[in-house]
Structures are given as structure tokens and as C-alpha cells.
Amino acid sequence: MKTIRVLGISIAVFVLTATSCNKYLDVEPDNRTVINSIDKIAQLVGTAYPSYDYLSFAESASDNAEDKGPGVGTSVDTRDRPYVWEDQIGDGTNTPTNYWNGCYEAIAAANQALEAIENGNYGNQVLQYKGEALVARAYAHHMLAVFFAKSYEIGGANDSPGIPYVTKPGTKVFGDFTRGTVKSTYENIIADLEEGLKYVSDQNHKVPKYHFTKAAAHAFASRLYLFTGEWDKAVQHATLAAPSGDFLSNLRPINTTFKNMTSGEFNAAFTRSDVKSTLLLANCYSTWTYNETARYGYGARLSRMFTEANVTSGLLDNKVLSYGAPNYTTYKYLYYFFYTGPGIGFPYIMQPLLTLDETLLNRAEGYAELGNFEASLADLNTFYSTKIRNYSPTQHAVTLAKIAAFYSESDPKQGLIRTILDAKKAEFLQEGLRWIDIVRRNLPVKHNVINTEGIETDMILEPGDPRRVFQIPEEAKIAGIELNPR
């Protein structure tokens, strides 16, 4: 059996080191750990997930943030710059460069595992880890494409630069990396996903929610196929993500269990691995919302999503909490600490990456695009039955007539899509998913700005604006990677 060596002190903590170029995309073959068993491959694949998050820059750049005014909150660079769509310098926690690094570190781990599997002789027992590595590699590349390349245009040429799709472990510091095109990037993502889906399994995971199980892989597929406009596939994979097709019993219990919790209980419970709706969790170093009362973020205007009636004619039952108005918080993230010394360490969160709530709404959107309005409405009503205060089907059921009246929209398909996108906007506030829908649906983003005299104006990030694509790290030029236009 051929053994594979990977960089790192241990395979449980896969760390990239070398030069700044290596830090982004490559692996220097040095200080190796021998990969010569299925158990070691399993441990390595378990590190093939981004260890940093996109929450701060994705949420701040989206319309899930607002200016609360001068003197309100504090200046937080990782909020301030994304809010005005300025590039961030450096690779500190919560920055786009930090997330870029985390994704490519995850990809490197997946590639090392896949090479070990290819060169070993482990039999069928190793196939589930091959599947997990392939799907994890597809996921990390897709998230990079969401933030650092133009969005996939359904029916378009998609010939603008994509992101480097890395499929082999690095053997040198300076590699030949090219961005390819958006088209080729998505072709590679889909190829990895579809191959990985053949093998992913729910077996042999101590904590399944930290891995791409079958349900998590199908949920990711439902998201991906919305980007490519393959509506049938989005619907099929969304359906396969729910246990026995049952969404209702497995959605976030916003108007029941969660509502009855104290704020502290809710904070401790929301990102636990036993939340049925959560399909994939990631352990991420982050200071997102940690002791922050930032000027730009969740404020009084956004809180109206929960205090004013929506298309159902009811009120969402999400917790509306505040550090002191207008500094609101969803209080979703419980912070943990990795201690490096007495009283010294790094904060981290458990971030839900994929949920059944998003997946159900993905299916609703797929049905709407296919013209199956009845099925789309059924999914919306399943969703809202777990979100609306004192939910009553006779009073709160969403209908095409309600949608037309609420949005002044005569096209039922467009009305359904607006309803679905608004449902996601509220449900995933402070979770960063709104940006995914903004780029996918080419939505404009409006931000208010209040000057020192209290005068308020608006600025709009229009479709086609190059600032909608986050800048690739400056250091990546060392590896021959072209930056995004500005």
C-alpha cells in the first residue's frame, strides 16, 4: 500500500504553512504526517470544511444591514468597509481574505484525502470519505465562486473569470493557477458534487452534523441548482434532504420550542448539533457579533420584519433582542474559546452552513419557476406554520391573492419568488445567506447613510457594479491570479 504524507502537526488540525502564496492555494511538502489508514483519512476529511466564516462581510454588504447613525455603536472595520462596499485590507478575522484562506485550506485537506484514497488499497469502506471529500471540495469552491467571481447567469455565456479550481495537492509553493471561467468553475463544482453524491453516507460519524451526510449533500445540491436554473434538480434534491420527505417536523421551531426559551437558553440551543433543521455545522474562528454594538448592522428598521405584519398577515415569532436600541441582535451564536494560554485564546462559533429551512424554501422557488404554484404555496405555508405567532391556517395561509395584494405584483411566479426571498431574508438575518440570494437573483442593494448633521441619504449597489464581487487577496497575484476589476 502506498502511503501519503500531508502537511501538519496532526491530521486532526490541518494547517497550511509556507509563503503567503502557499497560504492561499498551495501546500509545501514538509513536516508530513503519514496517511496510511481509513481512520486517518476520515480524520483528514473531517478538516475539509472552512474554519473561518463569511458572516461579517456578507451580512454587512447586504440589505440586512443599516446605518444606525453617528454616535450609535462603534466603528468595526469588518462591518464599516463592507457596508459601503469598499475592499478590505489584510487577512484578519472576519475579512474576505480570511475566508478565502479558510476555503482553500479546506480544499487542500480534501485533495490530500482524495490522493490518499486513490493511491491506497482500502476497499469499499473508504468510499464514504471519498464522497464526503468531493462534496466538501465542491462546497468550498462554490462559496468562493459566490463571493469572488461574477454570479452564474442562467442561459448566459458565463465567460468571465471564475476562481481557481484546485483538484490536486500542492507540491510546490508557486503553482500554475488559473481562474478559468465561471462556466468551467460551475462545471467542476457540479462534477464533484454528482460524483460525491454516489458515495456520501450517514454511517461512521461521531457527530453527523459536522459532515456532509446524504441530507446535507442534497441540501447543498438544492442550493447549487438554483444558481444554474436546473429547477427540477433543485426540487428533487431538496425533497431528498428531508427525513422521509418530512419538512414540517424538522424545521426550526421558531413559534414553539425556541419561543418558549429564555434568551440565554435560546442562545445556547440555536447552534447545537441536535437542532433537527441543522444539516451541516462548521467550527469557525469568528468575532461576528461578539461584544459588538456596531454602527452598521441589525437596527430598528430591520427589526420591523418581526414587529410588522408580512404577507401572511401575521407576525414572525423570532426573538427580537437588543443590547439597547437600536443595537439589535438575533442572539443566535454562542461563543466558545480555544485557549492558547491562561486567559488568552480565540473565540469561535458553531455556524449552521445548511439547514432544512433554507432547503424547503429552495424547493418552493424551484416549484415556482416550474409553474407549480400550488406546490410552491404548500411549501411556503409549511415554512410559515413554524414561524408565525399563534399560527392559524385559516388566518395566515399564504395565497396568490394575498401575494398579489401585498406586493402589488400581478405575475404569480414573480410574486412567489419575492415572497420566498423575503422569507429567507428574515429567517436568516445575521447568518449571511441574504448575500447569496442577492448575487444569485441580481438584486440591487440599498443602504442608508446618516451624516453628522442627521441628514439621511441612500446609496445603491446596482446589478453589474464590480463591487458586488469581493476582491481576491492581493497576495494571490504571486501565484499568477488576476484580481477582480475595480
Protein backbone atom coordinates (compact mmCIF):
# COMPACT_ATOMS: atom_id res chain seq x y z
CA MET A 1 0.00 0.00 0.00
CA LYS A 2 1.35 3.43 -0.89
CA THR A 3 1.32 5.88 1.99
CA ILE A 4 0.52 9.55 1.63
CA ARG A 5 2.07 12.28 3.72
CA VAL A 6 0.31 15.54 4.48
CA LEU A 7 1.46 18.77 5.97
CA GLY A 8 0.69 19.45 9.57
CA ILE A 9 1.41 18.65 13.17
CA SER A 10 -1.57 16.30 13.20
CA ILE A 11 -4.24 15.30 10.74
CA ALA A 12 -6.88 16.44 13.19
CA VAL A 13 -5.67 20.03 12.84
CA PHE A 14 -4.74 20.61 9.19
CA VAL A 15 -2.73 23.81 8.92
CA LEU A 16 -1.21 25.37 5.82
CA THR A 17 2.19 27.00 6.20
CA ALA A 18 4.90 28.29 3.84
CA THR A 19 4.87 31.59 1.96
CA SER A 20 1.95 33.95 1.50
CA CYS A 21 1.23 32.37 -1.89
CA ASN A 22 1.21 28.91 -0.32
CA LYS A 23 -1.14 30.27 2.34
CA TYR A 24 -3.79 30.84 -0.27
CA LEU A 25 -3.62 27.88 -2.59
CA ASP A 26 -0.66 25.59 -2.16
CA VAL A 27 0.95 23.14 0.24
CA GLU A 28 4.67 22.85 0.83
CA PRO A 29 5.62 19.16 1.23
CA ASP A 30 7.27 19.47 4.59
CA ASN A 31 6.70 18.26 8.16
CA ARG A 32 4.44 15.43 6.99
CA THR A 33 2.05 13.06 8.70
CA VAL A 34 1.69 9.64 7.13
CA ILE A 35 -1.81 8.81 5.88
CA ASN A 36 -1.97 5.03 5.86
CA SER A 37 -5.33 4.03 7.30
CA ILE A 38 -9.03 4.67 6.81
CA ASP A 39 -9.19 6.21 10.28
CA LYS A 40 -6.56 8.81 9.36
CA ILE A 41 -8.33 9.54 6.07
CA ALA A 42 -11.58 10.04 7.99
CA GLN A 43 -9.87 12.47 10.35
CA LEU A 44 -8.35 14.37 7.45
CA VAL A 45 -11.67 14.64 5.60
CA GLY A 46 -13.20 15.99 8.80
CA THR A 47 -10.98 19.07 8.36
CA ALA A 48 -12.14 19.71 4.78
CA TYR A 49 -14.54 22.47 5.88
CA PRO A 50 -13.80 26.22 6.07
CA SER A 51 -12.64 27.13 9.57
CA TYR A 52 -13.45 30.81 9.07
CA ASP A 53 -16.80 32.43 8.32
CA TYR A 54 -18.27 34.88 5.82
CA LEU A 55 -20.82 36.41 8.20
CA SER A 56 -19.40 39.87 8.80
CA PHE A 57 -18.68 40.93 5.23
CA ALA A 58 -21.61 39.08 3.62
CA GLU A 59 -24.19 40.44 6.05
CA SER A 60 -22.79 43.97 6.14
CA ALA A 61 -22.70 44.27 2.35
CA SER A 62 -26.30 43.06 2.05
CA ASP A 63 -29.60 44.78 2.76
CA ASN A 64 -29.68 43.00 6.10
CA ALA A 65 -27.64 45.90 7.49
CA GLU A 66 -28.46 49.56 8.10
CA ASP A 67 -26.81 52.75 9.30
CA LYS A 68 -27.99 53.47 12.84
CA GLY A 69 -26.47 56.93 12.80
CA PRO A 70 -23.38 58.82 14.03
CA GLY A 71 -22.56 58.14 17.65
CA VAL A 72 -24.50 54.89 17.69
CA GLY A 73 -22.45 51.80 18.29
CA THR A 74 -18.78 51.60 17.48
CA SER A 75 -16.60 51.57 14.39
CA VAL A 76 -15.81 47.99 13.35
CA ASP A 77 -13.67 47.80 10.22
CA THR A 78 -15.06 44.43 9.19
CA ARG A 79 -18.55 45.98 9.23
CA ASP A 80 -17.79 49.54 8.12
CA ARG A 81 -15.99 48.79 4.86
CA PRO A 82 -18.37 46.11 3.54
CA TYR A 83 -21.31 48.39 4.32
CA VAL A 84 -20.00 50.99 1.85
CA TRP A 85 -18.69 48.24 -0.47
CA GLU A 86 -15.02 49.08 0.00
CA ASP A 87 -12.28 46.47 -0.29
CA GLN A 88 -10.77 45.35 2.99
CA ILE A 89 -7.02 45.25 3.52
CA GLY A 90 -5.37 42.37 5.30
CA ASP A 91 -6.36 38.88 6.32
CA GLY A 92 -7.70 39.46 9.82
CA THR A 93 -10.60 37.59 11.34
CA ASN A 94 -13.93 38.14 9.54
CA THR A 95 -12.34 39.51 6.35
CA PRO A 96 -12.89 38.17 2.81
CA THR A 97 -9.20 37.22 2.61
CA ASN A 98 -9.57 35.25 5.83
CA TYR A 99 -12.48 33.33 4.33
CA TRP A 100 -10.60 32.78 1.04
CA ASN A 101 -7.75 31.24 3.04
CA GLY A 102 -10.14 29.06 5.02
CA CYS A 103 -11.81 27.69 1.90
CA TYR A 104 -8.55 26.81 0.22
CA GLU A 105 -7.25 25.19 3.39
CA ALA A 106 -10.39 23.06 3.38
CA ILE A 107 -9.86 22.23 -0.30
CA ALA A 108 -6.26 21.26 0.39
CA ALA A 109 -7.41 18.82 3.08
CA ALA A 110 -9.98 17.31 0.71
CA ASN A 111 -7.36 16.93 -2.01
CA GLN A 112 -4.85 15.24 0.30
CA ALA A 113 -7.54 12.79 1.39
CA LEU A 114 -8.57 12.05 -2.19
CA GLU A 115 -4.95 11.42 -3.18
CA ALA A 116 -4.53 9.04 -0.26
CA ILE A 117 -7.67 7.17 -1.28
CA GLU A 118 -6.59 6.99 -4.91
CA ASN A 119 -3.14 5.66 -4.10
CA GLY A 120 -4.19 3.30 -1.34
CA ASN A 121 -5.94 -0.02 -1.34
CA TYR A 122 -8.70 0.42 1.21
CA GLY A 123 -11.66 -1.25 -0.46
CA ASN A 124 -15.24 -0.02 -0.36
CA GLN A 125 -15.03 1.10 3.27
CA VAL A 126 -13.21 4.24 2.21
CA LEU A 127 -15.77 5.30 -0.40
CA GLN A 128 -17.89 7.33 2.00
CA TYR A 129 -14.86 9.50 2.76
CA LYS A 130 -14.21 9.90 -0.95
CA GLY A 131 -17.79 11.10 -1.31
CA GLU A 132 -17.51 13.48 1.62
CA ALA A 133 -14.22 14.91 0.34
CA LEU A 134 -15.63 15.50 -3.14
CA VAL A 135 -18.77 17.23 -1.87
CA ALA A 136 -16.76 19.29 0.62
CA ARG A 137 -14.41 20.34 -2.20
CA ALA A 138 -17.40 21.32 -4.33
CA TYR A 139 -18.95 23.29 -1.46
CA ALA A 140 -15.79 25.29 -0.69
CA HIS A 141 -15.25 26.12 -4.36
CA HIS A 142 -18.87 27.17 -4.73
CA MET A 143 -18.68 29.53 -1.77
CA LEU A 144 -15.52 31.03 -3.25
CA ALA A 145 -17.36 31.50 -6.55
CA VAL A 146 -20.28 33.19 -4.76
CA PHE A 147 -18.04 35.85 -3.23
CA PHE A 148 -15.07 36.21 -5.58
CA ALA A 149 -16.49 35.72 -9.09
CA LYS A 150 -19.47 37.04 -11.01
CA SER A 151 -22.61 35.05 -10.38
CA TYR A 152 -23.62 32.32 -12.80
CA GLU A 153 -26.00 33.72 -15.42
CA ILE A 154 -28.69 31.24 -16.39
CA GLY A 155 -28.57 30.90 -20.17
CA GLY A 156 -25.54 33.20 -20.40
CA ALA A 157 -22.02 32.63 -21.70
CA ASN A 158 -20.52 32.78 -18.18
CA ASP A 159 -17.13 33.51 -19.72
CA SER A 160 -15.95 35.96 -17.05
CA PRO A 161 -13.16 34.79 -14.70
CA GLY A 162 -14.13 32.13 -12.20
CA ILE A 163 -11.98 31.04 -9.26
CA PRO A 164 -9.01 28.65 -9.28
CA TYR A 165 -10.40 25.12 -9.08
CA VAL A 166 -7.79 23.09 -7.27
CA THR A 167 -8.04 19.31 -7.54
CA LYS A 168 -4.54 18.13 -6.64
CA PRO A 169 -2.43 18.56 -3.52
CA GLY A 170 0.26 21.18 -3.97
CA THR A 171 3.84 20.00 -4.32
CA LYS A 172 5.47 23.40 -4.66
CA VAL A 173 5.00 26.88 -3.29
CA PHE A 174 4.44 28.61 -6.62
CA GLY A 175 1.91 26.75 -8.72
CA ASP A 176 0.34 27.42 -12.08
CA PHE A 177 -3.11 28.60 -11.04
CA THR A 178 -5.69 29.98 -13.42
CA ARG A 179 -9.17 31.25 -12.70
CA GLY A 180 -10.81 29.60 -15.67
CA THR A 181 -14.30 30.92 -16.31
CA VAL A 182 -17.50 30.99 -14.30
CA LYS A 183 -18.75 28.29 -16.67
CA SER A 184 -15.81 25.97 -16.07
CA THR A 185 -15.93 26.63 -12.33
CA TYR A 186 -19.55 25.52 -12.13
CA GLU A 187 -18.90 22.52 -14.37
CA ASN A 188 -16.21 21.39 -11.93
CA ILE A 189 -18.41 22.03 -8.90
CA ILE A 190 -21.26 20.00 -10.37
CA ALA A 191 -18.93 17.18 -11.40
CA ASP A 192 -17.51 16.90 -7.87
CA LEU A 193 -20.94 17.09 -6.29
CA GLU A 194 -22.55 14.49 -8.52
CA GLU A 195 -19.64 12.08 -8.11
CA GLY A 196 -19.56 12.63 -4.36
CA LEU A 197 -23.29 12.03 -4.01
CA LYS A 198 -22.74 8.45 -5.17
CA TYR A 199 -20.75 7.70 -2.03
CA VAL A 200 -21.70 10.01 0.83
CA SER A 201 -23.05 8.13 3.80
CA ASP A 202 -24.64 8.71 7.19
CA GLN A 203 -22.53 5.98 8.78
CA ASN A 204 -19.42 6.14 10.97
CA HIS A 205 -19.73 9.79 12.01
CA LYS A 206 -19.47 10.55 15.72
CA VAL A 207 -21.35 13.82 15.15
CA PRO A 208 -23.03 13.62 11.71
CA LYS A 209 -23.89 17.34 11.65
CA TYR A 210 -20.17 18.14 11.24
CA HIS A 211 -20.01 16.21 7.97
CA PHE A 212 -21.60 16.06 4.53
CA THR A 213 -24.17 13.37 5.14
CA LYS A 214 -26.66 12.45 2.44
CA ALA A 215 -29.14 15.06 3.69
CA ALA A 216 -26.53 17.83 3.82
CA ALA A 217 -25.22 16.95 0.36
CA HIS A 218 -28.74 17.04 -1.10
CA ALA A 219 -29.39 20.38 0.61
CA PHE A 220 -26.24 21.82 -0.94
CA ALA A 221 -27.34 20.45 -4.31
CA SER A 222 -30.72 22.18 -3.97
CA ARG A 223 -28.91 25.50 -3.47
CA LEU A 224 -26.44 24.93 -6.30
CA TYR A 225 -29.07 24.03 -8.91
CA LEU A 226 -30.96 27.24 -8.18
CA PHE A 227 -27.83 29.05 -9.40
CA THR A 228 -27.76 27.09 -12.65
CA GLY A 229 -31.51 27.23 -13.22
CA GLU A 230 -31.97 23.46 -13.12
CA TRP A 231 -35.25 23.72 -11.27
CA ASP A 232 -36.20 20.04 -11.47
CA LYS A 233 -32.91 19.06 -9.85
CA ALA A 234 -33.30 21.72 -7.15
CA VAL A 235 -36.73 20.29 -6.28
CA GLN A 236 -35.57 16.67 -6.35
CA HIS A 237 -32.54 17.21 -4.16
CA ALA A 238 -34.45 19.40 -1.69
CA THR A 239 -37.03 16.64 -1.26
CA LEU A 240 -34.28 14.07 -0.61
CA ALA A 241 -32.78 16.25 2.14
CA ALA A 242 -35.76 15.89 4.50
CA PRO A 243 -36.16 12.73 6.60
CA SER A 244 -38.76 10.62 4.76
CA GLY A 245 -39.70 13.81 2.91
CA ASP A 246 -40.97 15.35 6.17
CA PHE A 247 -40.08 19.03 6.45
CA LEU A 248 -42.79 20.10 8.89
CA SER A 249 -41.48 18.11 11.85
CA ASN A 250 -37.90 19.13 11.24
CA LEU A 251 -37.92 22.90 10.68
CA ARG A 252 -36.61 25.39 13.22
CA PRO A 253 -39.28 25.55 15.93
CA ILE A 254 -39.41 29.35 15.99
CA ASN A 255 -43.01 29.69 17.27
CA THR A 256 -42.87 26.76 19.71
CA THR A 257 -39.73 25.38 21.37
CA PHE A 258 -37.47 28.35 20.63
CA LYS A 259 -40.16 30.88 21.51
CA ASN A 260 -40.64 29.35 24.95
CA MET A 261 -36.94 29.54 25.81
CA THR A 262 -35.31 32.34 27.74
CA SER A 263 -32.83 34.36 25.71
CA GLY A 264 -29.96 32.51 27.39
CA GLU A 265 -31.48 29.12 26.69
CA PHE A 266 -32.09 30.10 23.08
CA ASN A 267 -28.52 31.33 22.68
CA ALA A 268 -27.18 28.03 23.98
CA ALA A 269 -29.57 25.92 21.91
CA PHE A 270 -29.68 27.54 18.47
CA THR A 271 -26.42 26.17 17.08
CA ARG A 272 -26.42 22.85 18.91
CA SER A 273 -26.00 19.77 16.76
CA ASP A 274 -29.30 18.33 17.97
CA VAL A 275 -31.38 21.02 16.22
CA LYS A 276 -33.28 18.95 13.67
CA SER A 277 -33.23 21.59 10.97
CA THR A 278 -29.46 21.97 11.02
CA LEU A 279 -27.84 19.73 8.42
CA LEU A 280 -24.24 20.96 8.46
CA LEU A 281 -22.32 22.79 11.19
CA ALA A 282 -18.83 24.26 10.97
CA ASN A 283 -16.46 25.22 13.75
CA CYS A 284 -15.31 28.73 12.76
CA TYR A 285 -12.98 31.22 14.37
CA SER A 286 -15.04 34.40 14.44
CA THR A 287 -15.77 37.60 16.31
CA TRP A 288 -19.03 38.21 14.42
CA THR A 289 -21.43 39.96 16.83
CA TYR A 290 -19.07 39.12 19.71
CA ASN A 291 -19.29 42.04 22.15
CA GLU A 292 -20.14 44.26 19.18
CA THR A 293 -22.55 47.17 19.07
CA ALA A 294 -21.57 48.17 15.57
CA ARG A 295 -22.96 51.23 13.83
CA TYR A 296 -23.81 49.24 10.71
CA GLY A 297 -25.94 46.16 11.19
CA TYR A 298 -29.24 44.94 12.59
CA GLY A 299 -31.12 48.04 13.67
CA ALA A 300 -34.60 49.41 14.24
CA ARG A 301 -35.63 49.33 10.58
CA LEU A 302 -34.72 45.69 10.15
CA SER A 303 -36.50 44.80 13.36
CA ARG A 304 -39.75 45.75 11.62
CA MET A 305 -39.57 42.44 9.78
CA PHE A 306 -40.63 40.95 13.10
CA THR A 307 -42.85 43.70 14.50
CA GLU A 308 -44.97 44.44 11.42
CA ALA A 309 -47.32 42.13 9.52
CA ASN A 310 -45.96 40.32 6.48
CA VAL A 311 -47.60 38.57 3.54
CA THR A 312 -49.26 36.08 5.92
CA SER A 313 -50.99 38.99 7.73
CA GLY A 314 -49.34 37.67 10.89
CA LEU A 315 -46.18 38.42 12.85
CA LEU A 316 -43.00 36.40 12.76
CA ASP A 317 -42.26 34.93 16.17
CA ASN A 318 -38.47 35.27 16.01
CA LYS A 319 -36.87 36.69 19.13
CA VAL A 320 -36.23 40.43 18.89
CA LEU A 321 -33.42 41.15 21.33
CA SER A 322 -31.35 44.25 21.90
CA TYR A 323 -28.16 45.39 23.58
CA GLY A 324 -30.01 48.68 23.89
CA ALA A 325 -31.99 50.06 20.97
CA PRO A 326 -31.13 50.46 18.15
CA ASN A 327 -28.46 47.74 18.58
CA TYR A 328 -30.47 44.59 17.95
CA THR A 329 -29.29 41.01 17.83
CA THR A 330 -30.74 37.66 16.84
CA TYR A 331 -28.63 36.16 19.65
CA LYS A 332 -28.06 33.05 17.55
CA TYR A 333 -24.37 32.47 18.25
CA LEU A 334 -22.93 31.10 21.47
CA TYR A 335 -19.21 31.84 21.66
CA TYR A 336 -16.62 29.30 22.69
CA PHE A 337 -12.90 29.79 23.23
CA PHE A 338 -9.81 27.98 22.10
CA TYR A 339 -7.32 28.83 24.82
CA THR A 340 -3.68 29.27 23.88
CA GLY A 341 -2.68 30.30 27.39
CA PRO A 342 -4.13 31.47 30.71
CA GLY A 343 -6.90 33.89 29.77
CA ILE A 344 -5.66 34.06 26.17
CA GLY A 345 -7.34 32.47 23.19
CA PHE A 346 -9.53 32.74 20.14
CA PRO A 347 -13.33 32.95 20.01
CA TYR A 348 -15.17 30.58 17.75
CA ILE A 349 -18.74 29.70 16.87
CA MET A 350 -20.64 26.75 15.52
CA GLN A 351 -22.03 28.09 12.23
CA PRO A 352 -25.01 26.41 10.54
CA LEU A 353 -23.98 26.14 6.88
CA LEU A 354 -27.01 24.23 5.60
CA THR A 355 -30.50 23.89 7.05
CA LEU A 356 -33.81 22.30 6.15
CA ASP A 357 -35.47 25.72 6.40
CA GLU A 358 -33.37 27.04 3.53
CA THR A 359 -33.80 23.77 1.64
CA LEU A 360 -37.59 23.90 1.86
CA LEU A 361 -37.57 27.45 0.51
CA ASN A 362 -35.19 26.33 -2.25
CA ARG A 363 -37.78 23.76 -3.23
CA ALA A 364 -40.56 26.35 -3.11
CA GLU A 365 -38.56 28.52 -5.50
CA GLY A 366 -37.93 25.59 -7.82
CA TYR A 367 -41.63 24.80 -7.89
CA ALA A 368 -42.45 28.45 -8.63
CA GLU A 369 -40.02 28.53 -11.56
CA LEU A 370 -41.55 25.30 -12.89
CA GLY A 371 -45.02 26.86 -12.76
CA ASN A 372 -46.22 24.54 -9.99
CA PHE A 373 -47.65 27.36 -7.90
CA GLU A 374 -49.77 25.08 -5.73
CA ALA A 375 -46.72 23.11 -4.58
CA SER A 376 -44.76 26.32 -4.03
CA LEU A 377 -47.54 27.72 -1.85
CA ALA A 378 -47.72 24.47 0.09
CA ASP A 379 -44.02 24.73 0.94
CA LEU A 380 -44.37 28.36 1.95
CA ASN A 381 -47.25 27.51 4.24
CA THR A 382 -45.32 24.63 5.78
CA PHE A 383 -42.48 27.04 6.44
CA TYR A 384 -44.64 29.80 7.93
CA SER A 385 -46.58 27.39 10.11
CA THR A 386 -43.43 27.13 12.25
CA LYS A 387 -42.65 30.87 12.21
CA ILE A 388 -45.86 32.89 12.69
CA ARG A 389 -47.08 33.80 16.14
CA ASN A 390 -50.23 31.90 17.08
CA TYR A 391 -50.32 30.40 13.61
CA SER A 392 -53.75 29.62 12.18
CA PRO A 393 -54.06 28.07 8.70
CA THR A 394 -57.36 29.84 8.04
CA GLN A 395 -55.96 33.22 9.05
CA HIS A 396 -52.33 33.05 7.96
CA ALA A 397 -52.16 30.78 4.93
CA VAL A 398 -50.30 32.39 2.02
CA THR A 399 -52.34 32.57 -1.20
CA LEU A 400 -51.66 34.02 -4.62
CA ALA A 401 -54.28 36.67 -3.90
CA LYS A 402 -52.51 37.70 -0.70
CA ILE A 403 -49.19 37.85 -2.52
CA ALA A 404 -50.63 39.97 -5.34
CA ALA A 405 -52.14 42.43 -2.86
CA PHE A 406 -49.12 42.61 -0.55
CA TYR A 407 -46.54 43.15 -3.28
CA SER A 408 -48.76 44.79 -5.90
CA GLU A 409 -47.49 42.07 -8.20
CA SER A 410 -49.70 40.66 -10.95
CA ASP A 411 -47.28 37.93 -12.08
CA PRO A 412 -47.84 34.94 -9.75
CA LYS A 413 -44.38 33.49 -10.35
CA GLN A 414 -42.62 36.72 -9.56
CA GLY A 415 -44.87 37.23 -6.56
CA LEU A 416 -43.99 33.79 -5.21
CA ILE A 417 -40.28 34.40 -5.70
CA ARG A 418 -40.47 37.74 -3.87
CA THR A 419 -42.30 36.03 -1.02
CA ILE A 420 -39.69 33.27 -0.82
CA LEU A 421 -36.76 35.69 -0.88
CA ASP A 422 -38.34 37.82 1.85
CA ALA A 423 -38.95 34.71 3.96
CA LYS A 424 -35.26 33.85 3.68
CA LYS A 425 -34.20 37.44 4.39
CA ALA A 426 -35.92 37.41 7.76
CA GLU A 427 -35.25 33.79 8.75
CA PHE A 428 -31.52 34.02 8.08
CA LEU A 429 -30.88 37.51 9.41
CA GLN A 430 -27.27 37.64 10.73
CA GLU A 431 -26.48 34.31 9.03
CA GLY A 432 -25.03 35.73 5.80
CA LEU A 433 -27.36 33.91 3.39
CA ARG A 434 -29.05 37.05 2.11
CA TRP A 435 -25.94 37.88 0.07
CA ILE A 436 -26.21 34.53 -1.72
CA ASP A 437 -29.71 35.43 -2.91
CA ILE A 438 -28.66 38.96 -3.80
CA VAL A 439 -25.95 37.81 -6.21
CA ARG A 440 -27.96 34.83 -7.48
CA ARG A 441 -31.06 36.92 -8.25
CA ASN A 442 -29.09 40.04 -9.26
CA LEU A 443 -30.90 42.16 -6.70
CA PRO A 444 -29.96 45.80 -6.05
CA VAL A 445 -28.87 46.68 -2.52
CA LYS A 446 -29.87 49.96 -0.89
CA HIS A 447 -28.05 51.29 2.15
CA ASN A 448 -28.97 54.37 4.09
CA VAL A 449 -26.25 56.78 5.23
CA ILE A 450 -26.74 59.33 8.03
CA ASN A 451 -24.23 62.18 8.21
CA THR A 452 -23.14 64.13 11.27
CA GLU A 453 -25.97 66.63 10.76
CA GLY A 454 -28.53 63.84 10.81
CA ILE A 455 -29.27 64.13 7.10
CA GLU A 456 -30.06 60.76 5.58
CA THR A 457 -29.39 59.70 2.01
CA ASP A 458 -29.35 56.37 0.20
CA MET A 459 -26.67 54.67 -1.85
CA ILE A 460 -27.45 51.74 -4.14
CA LEU A 461 -25.30 48.86 -5.30
CA GLU A 462 -26.77 48.20 -8.71
CA PRO A 463 -26.63 44.95 -10.72
CA GLY A 464 -23.42 44.92 -12.74
CA ASP A 465 -21.45 47.02 -10.26
CA PRO A 466 -17.95 45.44 -9.97
CA ARG A 467 -18.07 45.94 -6.18
CA ARG A 468 -20.64 43.15 -5.99
CA VAL A 469 -17.68 40.79 -6.42
CA PHE A 470 -15.34 40.79 -3.42
CA GLN A 471 -11.70 41.36 -4.17
CA ILE A 472 -9.34 38.42 -4.38
CA PRO A 473 -6.43 38.73 -1.92
CA GLU A 474 -3.68 40.99 -3.21
CA GLU A 475 -1.06 38.36 -2.39
CA ALA A 476 -2.71 35.90 -4.79
CA LYS A 477 -1.04 37.80 -7.64
CA ILE A 478 2.16 35.99 -6.63
CA ALA A 479 0.51 32.80 -7.87
CA GLY A 480 -0.40 34.49 -11.14
CA ILE A 481 -4.06 35.03 -10.31
CA GLU A 482 -5.71 38.10 -11.80
CA LEU A 483 -7.61 40.33 -9.39
CA ASN A 484 -11.19 41.46 -9.90
CA PRO A 485 -11.73 44.77 -11.70
CA ARG A 486 -12.32 47.92 -9.71
